[in-house]
Amino acid sequence: ERQATCVLGCEHYNSYFDGWSCSAAPIFDHR
């Protein structure tokens, strides 16, 4: 999506990550 997002607990498809929450944001170069 090239934009910031977060996925919380059971929103993860893999149940292994249900106990975690994750936030991510994109990094772009000068172009």
ModelCIF file with pLDDT and N, C-alpha, C, O atoms, coordinates in Angstrom:
data_MODEL
#
_entry.id   MODEL 
#
_entity.id                         1 
_entity.type                       polymer 
_entity.pdbx_number_of_molecules   1 
#
_entity_poly.entity_id                      1 
_entity_poly.type                           'polypeptide(L)' 
_entity_poly.nstd_linkage                   no 
_entity_poly.nstd_monomer                   no 
_entity_poly.pdbx_seq_one_letter_code       ERQATCVLGCEHYNSYFDGWSCSAAPIFDHR 
_entity_poly.pdbx_seq_one_letter_code_can   ERQATCVLGCEHYNSYFDGWSCSAAPIFDHR 
_entity_poly.pdbx_strand_id                 A 
#
loop_
_entity_poly_seq.entity_id 
_entity_poly_seq.num 
_entity_poly_seq.mon_id 
_entity_poly_seq.hetero 
1 1  GLU n 
1 2  ARG n 
1 3  GLN n 
1 4  ALA n 
1 5  THR n 
1 6  CYS n 
1 7  VAL n 
1 8  LEU n 
1 9  GLY n 
1 10 CYS n 
1 11 GLU n 
1 12 HIS n 
1 13 TYR n 
1 14 ASN n 
1 15 SER n 
1 16 TYR n 
1 17 PHE n 
1 18 ASP n 
1 19 GLY n 
1 20 TRP n 
1 21 SER n 
1 22 CYS n 
1 23 SER n 
1 24 ALA n 
1 25 ALA n 
1 26 PRO n 
1 27 ILE n 
1 28 PHE n 
1 29 ASP n 
1 30 HIS n 
1 31 ARG n 
#
_struct_asym.id          A 
_struct_asym.entity_id   1 
#
loop_
_ma_qa_metric.id 
_ma_qa_metric.mode 
_ma_qa_metric.name 
_ma_qa_metric.software_group_id 
_ma_qa_metric.type 
1 global pLDDT . pLDDT 
2 local  pLDDT . pLDDT 
#
_ma_qa_metric_global.metric_id      1 
_ma_qa_metric_global.metric_value   83.16 
_ma_qa_metric_global.model_id       1 
_ma_qa_metric_global.ordinal_id     1 
#
loop_
_ma_qa_metric_local.label_asym_id 
_ma_qa_metric_local.label_comp_id 
_ma_qa_metric_local.label_seq_id 
_ma_qa_metric_local.metric_id 
_ma_qa_metric_local.metric_value 
_ma_qa_metric_local.model_id 
_ma_qa_metric_local.ordinal_id 
A GLU 1  2 90.00 1 1  
A ARG 2  2 92.00 1 2  
A GLN 3  2 93.00 1 3  
A ALA 4  2 92.00 1 4  
A THR 5  2 90.00 1 5  
A CYS 6  2 87.00 1 6  
A VAL 7  2 86.00 1 7  
A LEU 8  2 80.00 1 8  
A GLY 9  2 73.00 1 9  
A CYS 10 2 76.00 1 10 
A GLU 11 2 76.00 1 11 
A HIS 12 2 74.00 1 12 
A TYR 13 2 71.00 1 13 
A ASN 14 2 70.00 1 14 
A SER 15 2 69.00 1 15 
A TYR 16 2 69.00 1 16 
A PHE 17 2 71.00 1 17 
A ASP 18 2 73.00 1 18 
A GLY 19 2 70.00 1 19 
A TRP 20 2 78.00 1 20 
A SER 21 2 82.00 1 21 
A CYS 22 2 87.00 1 22 
A SER 23 2 89.00 1 23 
A ALA 24 2 92.00 1 24 
A ALA 25 2 94.00 1 25 
A PRO 26 2 95.00 1 26 
A ILE 27 2 95.00 1 27 
A PHE 28 2 95.00 1 28 
A ASP 29 2 91.00 1 29 
A HIS 30 2 89.00 1 30 
A ARG 31 2 89.00 1 31 
#
loop_
_atom_site.group_PDB 
_atom_site.id 
_atom_site.type_symbol 
_atom_site.label_atom_id 
_atom_site.label_alt_id 
_atom_site.label_comp_id 
_atom_site.label_asym_id 
_atom_site.label_entity_id 
_atom_site.label_seq_id 
_atom_site.pdbx_PDB_ins_code 
_atom_site.Cartn_x 
_atom_site.Cartn_y 
_atom_site.Cartn_z 
_atom_site.occupancy 
_atom_site.B_iso_or_equiv 
_atom_site.pdbx_formal_charge 
_atom_site.auth_seq_id 
_atom_site.auth_comp_id 
_atom_site.auth_asym_id 
_atom_site.auth_atom_id 
_atom_site.pdbx_PDB_model_num 
ATOM 1   N N  . GLU A 1 1  ? 0.809  -1.225  0.000  1.00 90.00 ? 1  GLU A N  1 
ATOM 2   C CA . GLU A 1 1  ? 0.000  0.000   0.000  1.00 90.00 ? 1  GLU A CA 1 
ATOM 3   C C  . GLU A 1 1  ? 0.842  1.275   0.000  1.00 90.00 ? 1  GLU A C  1 
ATOM 4   O O  . GLU A 1 1  ? 0.325  2.352   -0.295 1.00 90.00 ? 1  GLU A O  1 
ATOM 5   N N  . ARG A 1 2  ? 2.144  1.168   0.330  1.00 92.00 ? 2  ARG A N  1 
ATOM 6   C CA . ARG A 1 2  ? 3.045  2.332   0.380  1.00 92.00 ? 2  ARG A CA 1 
ATOM 7   C C  . ARG A 1 2  ? 2.554  3.391   1.370  1.00 92.00 ? 2  ARG A C  1 
ATOM 8   O O  . ARG A 1 2  ? 2.734  4.590   1.155  1.00 92.00 ? 2  ARG A O  1 
ATOM 9   N N  . GLN A 1 3  ? 1.932  2.929   2.453  1.00 93.00 ? 3  GLN A N  1 
ATOM 10  C CA . GLN A 1 3  ? 1.494  3.853   3.491  1.00 93.00 ? 3  GLN A CA 1 
ATOM 11  C C  . GLN A 1 3  ? 1.547  3.157   4.844  1.00 93.00 ? 3  GLN A C  1 
ATOM 12  O O  . GLN A 1 3  ? 1.600  1.930   4.928  1.00 93.00 ? 3  GLN A O  1 
ATOM 13  N N  . ALA A 1 4  ? 1.533  3.978   5.915  1.00 92.00 ? 4  ALA A N  1 
ATOM 14  C CA . ALA A 1 4  ? 1.661  3.431   7.267  1.00 92.00 ? 4  ALA A CA 1 
ATOM 15  C C  . ALA A 1 4  ? 0.432  2.599   7.629  1.00 92.00 ? 4  ALA A C  1 
ATOM 16  O O  . ALA A 1 4  ? -0.686 2.909   7.218  1.00 92.00 ? 4  ALA A O  1 
ATOM 17  N N  . THR A 1 5  ? 0.658  1.542   8.403  1.00 90.00 ? 5  THR A N  1 
ATOM 18  C CA . THR A 1 5  ? -0.445 0.674   8.821  1.00 90.00 ? 5  THR A CA 1 
ATOM 19  C C  . THR A 1 5  ? -0.059 -0.039  10.113 1.00 90.00 ? 5  THR A C  1 
ATOM 20  O O  . THR A 1 5  ? 1.113  -0.081  10.485 1.00 90.00 ? 5  THR A O  1 
ATOM 21  N N  . CYS A 1 6  ? -1.060 -0.597  10.790 1.00 87.00 ? 6  CYS A N  1 
ATOM 22  C CA . CYS A 1 6  ? -0.769 -1.416  11.969 1.00 87.00 ? 6  CYS A CA 1 
ATOM 23  C C  . CYS A 1 6  ? -1.703 -2.632  11.968 1.00 87.00 ? 6  CYS A C  1 
ATOM 24  O O  . CYS A 1 6  ? -2.842 -2.544  11.508 1.00 87.00 ? 6  CYS A O  1 
ATOM 25  N N  . VAL A 1 7  ? -1.226 -3.742  12.474 1.00 86.00 ? 7  VAL A N  1 
ATOM 26  C CA . VAL A 1 7  ? -1.988 -4.986  12.579 1.00 86.00 ? 7  VAL A CA 1 
ATOM 27  C C  . VAL A 1 7  ? -1.897 -5.456  14.026 1.00 86.00 ? 7  VAL A C  1 
ATOM 28  O O  . VAL A 1 7  ? -0.807 -5.635  14.570 1.00 86.00 ? 7  VAL A O  1 
ATOM 29  N N  . LEU A 1 8  ? -3.071 -5.652  14.642 1.00 80.00 ? 8  LEU A N  1 
ATOM 30  C CA . LEU A 1 8  ? -3.122 -5.939  16.077 1.00 80.00 ? 8  LEU A CA 1 
ATOM 31  C C  . LEU A 1 8  ? -3.556 -7.382  16.335 1.00 80.00 ? 8  LEU A C  1 
ATOM 32  O O  . LEU A 1 8  ? -4.538 -7.860  15.768 1.00 80.00 ? 8  LEU A O  1 
ATOM 33  N N  . GLY A 1 9  ? -2.807 -8.064  17.198 1.00 73.00 ? 9  GLY A N  1 
ATOM 34  C CA . GLY A 1 9  ? -3.180 -9.382  17.695 1.00 73.00 ? 9  GLY A CA 1 
ATOM 35  C C  . GLY A 1 9  ? -3.702 -10.325 16.639 1.00 73.00 ? 9  GLY A C  1 
ATOM 36  O O  . GLY A 1 9  ? -2.997 -10.682 15.695 1.00 73.00 ? 9  GLY A O  1 
ATOM 37  N N  . CYS A 1 10 ? -5.003 -10.742 16.819 1.00 76.00 ? 10 CYS A N  1 
ATOM 38  C CA . CYS A 1 10 ? -5.567 -11.755 15.941 1.00 76.00 ? 10 CYS A CA 1 
ATOM 39  C C  . CYS A 1 10 ? -5.873 -11.249 14.539 1.00 76.00 ? 10 CYS A C  1 
ATOM 40  O O  . CYS A 1 10 ? -6.331 -12.021 13.697 1.00 76.00 ? 10 CYS A O  1 
ATOM 41  N N  . GLU A 1 11 ? -5.635 -9.996  14.274 1.00 76.00 ? 11 GLU A N  1 
ATOM 42  C CA . GLU A 1 11 ? -5.763 -9.507  12.892 1.00 76.00 ? 11 GLU A CA 1 
ATOM 43  C C  . GLU A 1 11 ? -4.704 -10.143 11.990 1.00 76.00 ? 11 GLU A C  1 
ATOM 44  O O  . GLU A 1 11 ? -4.836 -10.137 10.766 1.00 76.00 ? 11 GLU A O  1 
ATOM 45  N N  . HIS A 1 12 ? -3.657 -10.688 12.605 1.00 74.00 ? 12 HIS A N  1 
ATOM 46  C CA . HIS A 1 12 ? -2.661 -11.410 11.830 1.00 74.00 ? 12 HIS A CA 1 
ATOM 47  C C  . HIS A 1 12 ? -3.282 -12.692 11.270 1.00 74.00 ? 12 HIS A C  1 
ATOM 48  O O  . HIS A 1 12 ? -4.045 -13.360 11.969 1.00 74.00 ? 12 HIS A O  1 
ATOM 49  N N  . TYR A 1 13 ? -2.975 -13.035 10.054 1.00 71.00 ? 13 TYR A N  1 
ATOM 50  C CA . TYR A 1 13 ? -3.475 -14.267 9.455  1.00 71.00 ? 13 TYR A CA 1 
ATOM 51  C C  . TYR A 1 13 ? -2.907 -15.481 10.175 1.00 71.00 ? 13 TYR A C  1 
ATOM 52  O O  . TYR A 1 13 ? -3.603 -16.475 10.385 1.00 71.00 ? 13 TYR A O  1 
ATOM 53  N N  . ASN A 1 14 ? -1.616 -15.389 10.557 1.00 70.00 ? 14 ASN A N  1 
ATOM 54  C CA . ASN A 1 14 ? -0.953 -16.502 11.212 1.00 70.00 ? 14 ASN A CA 1 
ATOM 55  C C  . ASN A 1 14 ? -1.190 -16.397 12.714 1.00 70.00 ? 14 ASN A C  1 
ATOM 56  O O  . ASN A 1 14 ? -0.830 -15.390 13.325 1.00 70.00 ? 14 ASN A O  1 
ATOM 57  N N  . SER A 1 15 ? -1.786 -17.414 13.314 1.00 69.00 ? 15 SER A N  1 
ATOM 58  C CA . SER A 1 15 ? -2.119 -17.388 14.747 1.00 69.00 ? 15 SER A CA 1 
ATOM 59  C C  . SER A 1 15 ? -0.885 -17.287 15.626 1.00 69.00 ? 15 SER A C  1 
ATOM 60  O O  . SER A 1 15 ? -0.979 -16.950 16.806 1.00 69.00 ? 15 SER A O  1 
ATOM 61  N N  . TYR A 1 16 ? 0.303  -17.589 15.033 1.00 69.00 ? 16 TYR A N  1 
ATOM 62  C CA . TYR A 1 16 ? 1.542  -17.496 15.793 1.00 69.00 ? 16 TYR A CA 1 
ATOM 63  C C  . TYR A 1 16 ? 1.779  -16.068 16.278 1.00 69.00 ? 16 TYR A C  1 
ATOM 64  O O  . TYR A 1 16 ? 2.431  -15.856 17.301 1.00 69.00 ? 16 TYR A O  1 
ATOM 65  N N  . PHE A 1 17 ? 1.241  -15.080 15.534 1.00 71.00 ? 17 PHE A N  1 
ATOM 66  C CA . PHE A 1 17 ? 1.467  -13.679 15.869 1.00 71.00 ? 17 PHE A CA 1 
ATOM 67  C C  . PHE A 1 17 ? 0.313  -13.063 16.666 1.00 71.00 ? 17 PHE A C  1 
ATOM 68  O O  . PHE A 1 17 ? 0.275  -11.846 16.845 1.00 71.00 ? 17 PHE A O  1 
ATOM 69  N N  . ASP A 1 18 ? -0.631 -13.884 17.149 1.00 73.00 ? 18 ASP A N  1 
ATOM 70  C CA . ASP A 1 18 ? -1.794 -13.318 17.851 1.00 73.00 ? 18 ASP A CA 1 
ATOM 71  C C  . ASP A 1 18 ? -1.404 -12.523 19.082 1.00 73.00 ? 18 ASP A C  1 
ATOM 72  O O  . ASP A 1 18 ? -2.131 -11.606 19.463 1.00 73.00 ? 18 ASP A O  1 
ATOM 73  N N  . GLY A 1 19 ? -0.306 -12.831 19.705 1.00 70.00 ? 19 GLY A N  1 
ATOM 74  C CA . GLY A 1 19 ? 0.105  -12.141 20.929 1.00 70.00 ? 19 GLY A CA 1 
ATOM 75  C C  . GLY A 1 19 ? 0.880  -10.864 20.673 1.00 70.00 ? 19 GLY A C  1 
ATOM 76  O O  . GLY A 1 19 ? 1.405  -10.260 21.608 1.00 70.00 ? 19 GLY A O  1 
ATOM 77  N N  . TRP A 1 20 ? 0.960  -10.444 19.411 1.00 78.00 ? 20 TRP A N  1 
ATOM 78  C CA . TRP A 1 20 ? 1.773  -9.276  19.070 1.00 78.00 ? 20 TRP A CA 1 
ATOM 79  C C  . TRP A 1 20 ? 0.971  -8.233  18.300 1.00 78.00 ? 20 TRP A C  1 
ATOM 80  O O  . TRP A 1 20 ? 0.000  -8.548  17.612 1.00 78.00 ? 20 TRP A O  1 
ATOM 81  N N  . SER A 1 21 ? 1.399  -7.003  18.435 1.00 82.00 ? 21 SER A N  1 
ATOM 82  C CA . SER A 1 21 ? 0.859  -5.905  17.627 1.00 82.00 ? 21 SER A CA 1 
ATOM 83  C C  . SER A 1 21 ? 2.022  -5.269  16.878 1.00 82.00 ? 21 SER A C  1 
ATOM 84  O O  . SER A 1 21 ? 3.120  -5.132  17.417 1.00 82.00 ? 21 SER A O  1 
ATOM 85  N N  . CYS A 1 22 ? 1.773  -4.888  15.644 1.00 87.00 ? 22 CYS A N  1 
ATOM 86  C CA . CYS A 1 22 ? 2.864  -4.381  14.793 1.00 87.00 ? 22 CYS A CA 1 
ATOM 87  C C  . CYS A 1 22 ? 2.431  -3.125  14.055 1.00 87.00 ? 22 CYS A C  1 
ATOM 88  O O  . CYS A 1 22 ? 1.328  -3.056  13.513 1.00 87.00 ? 22 CYS A O  1 
ATOM 89  N N  . SER A 1 23 ? 3.328  -2.115  14.041 1.00 89.00 ? 23 SER A N  1 
ATOM 90  C CA . SER A 1 23 ? 3.112  -0.874  13.292 1.00 89.00 ? 23 SER A CA 1 
ATOM 91  C C  . SER A 1 23 ? 4.236  -0.749  12.266 1.00 89.00 ? 23 SER A C  1 
ATOM 92  O O  . SER A 1 23 ? 5.388  -1.053  12.575 1.00 89.00 ? 23 SER A O  1 
ATOM 93  N N  . ALA A 1 24 ? 3.919  -0.309  11.059 1.00 92.00 ? 24 ALA A N  1 
ATOM 94  C CA . ALA A 1 24 ? 4.933  -0.175  9.998  1.00 92.00 ? 24 ALA A CA 1 
ATOM 95  C C  . ALA A 1 24 ? 4.664  1.088   9.180  1.00 92.00 ? 24 ALA A C  1 
ATOM 96  O O  . ALA A 1 24 ? 3.515  1.479   8.978  1.00 92.00 ? 24 ALA A O  1 
ATOM 97  N N  . ALA A 1 25 ? 5.749  1.718   8.713  1.00 94.00 ? 25 ALA A N  1 
ATOM 98  C CA . ALA A 1 25 ? 5.644  2.926   7.876  1.00 94.00 ? 25 ALA A CA 1 
ATOM 99  C C  . ALA A 1 25 ? 6.674  2.832   6.753  1.00 94.00 ? 25 ALA A C  1 
ATOM 100 O O  . ALA A 1 25 ? 7.760  2.286   6.950  1.00 94.00 ? 25 ALA A O  1 
ATOM 101 N N  . PRO A 1 26 ? 6.336  3.362   5.577  1.00 95.00 ? 26 PRO A N  1 
ATOM 102 C CA . PRO A 1 26 ? 7.233  3.239   4.427  1.00 95.00 ? 26 PRO A CA 1 
ATOM 103 C C  . PRO A 1 26 ? 8.370  4.262   4.458  1.00 95.00 ? 26 PRO A C  1 
ATOM 104 O O  . PRO A 1 26 ? 8.255  5.325   5.068  1.00 95.00 ? 26 PRO A O  1 
ATOM 105 N N  . ILE A 1 27 ? 9.474  3.911   3.783  1.00 95.00 ? 27 ILE A N  1 
ATOM 106 C CA . ILE A 1 27 ? 10.625 4.811   3.616  1.00 95.00 ? 27 ILE A CA 1 
ATOM 107 C C  . ILE A 1 27 ? 10.857 5.000   2.115  1.00 95.00 ? 27 ILE A C  1 
ATOM 108 O O  . ILE A 1 27 ? 10.901 4.031   1.357  1.00 95.00 ? 27 ILE A O  1 
ATOM 109 N N  . PHE A 1 28 ? 11.006 6.263   1.697  1.00 95.00 ? 28 PHE A N  1 
ATOM 110 C CA . PHE A 1 28 ? 11.168 6.572   0.272  1.00 95.00 ? 28 PHE A CA 1 
ATOM 111 C C  . PHE A 1 28 ? 12.515 7.264   0.023  1.00 95.00 ? 28 PHE A C  1 
ATOM 112 O O  . PHE A 1 28 ? 13.088 7.887   0.917  1.00 95.00 ? 28 PHE A O  1 
ATOM 113 N N  . ASP A 1 29 ? 13.000 7.136   -1.214 1.00 91.00 ? 29 ASP A N  1 
ATOM 114 C CA . ASP A 1 29 ? 14.246 7.828   -1.578 1.00 91.00 ? 29 ASP A CA 1 
ATOM 115 C C  . ASP A 1 29 ? 13.923 9.187   -2.194 1.00 91.00 ? 29 ASP A C  1 
ATOM 116 O O  . ASP A 1 29 ? 12.769 9.616   -2.177 1.00 91.00 ? 29 ASP A O  1 
ATOM 117 N N  . HIS A 1 30 ? 14.944 9.870   -2.740 1.00 89.00 ? 30 HIS A N  1 
ATOM 118 C CA . HIS A 1 30 ? 14.756 11.225  -3.259 1.00 89.00 ? 30 HIS A CA 1 
ATOM 119 C C  . HIS A 1 30 ? 13.892 11.264  -4.516 1.00 89.00 ? 30 HIS A C  1 
ATOM 120 O O  . HIS A 1 30 ? 13.409 12.327  -4.907 1.00 89.00 ? 30 HIS A O  1 
ATOM 121 N N  . ARG A 1 31 ? 13.696 10.110  -5.147 1.00 89.00 ? 31 ARG A N  1 
ATOM 122 C CA . ARG A 1 31 ? 12.819 10.054  -6.318 1.00 89.00 ? 31 ARG A CA 1 
ATOM 123 C C  . ARG A 1 31 ? 11.418 9.550   -5.957 1.00 89.00 ? 31 ARG A C  1 
ATOM 124 O O  . ARG A 1 31 ? 10.556 9.443   -6.830 1.00 89.00 ? 31 ARG A O  1 
#
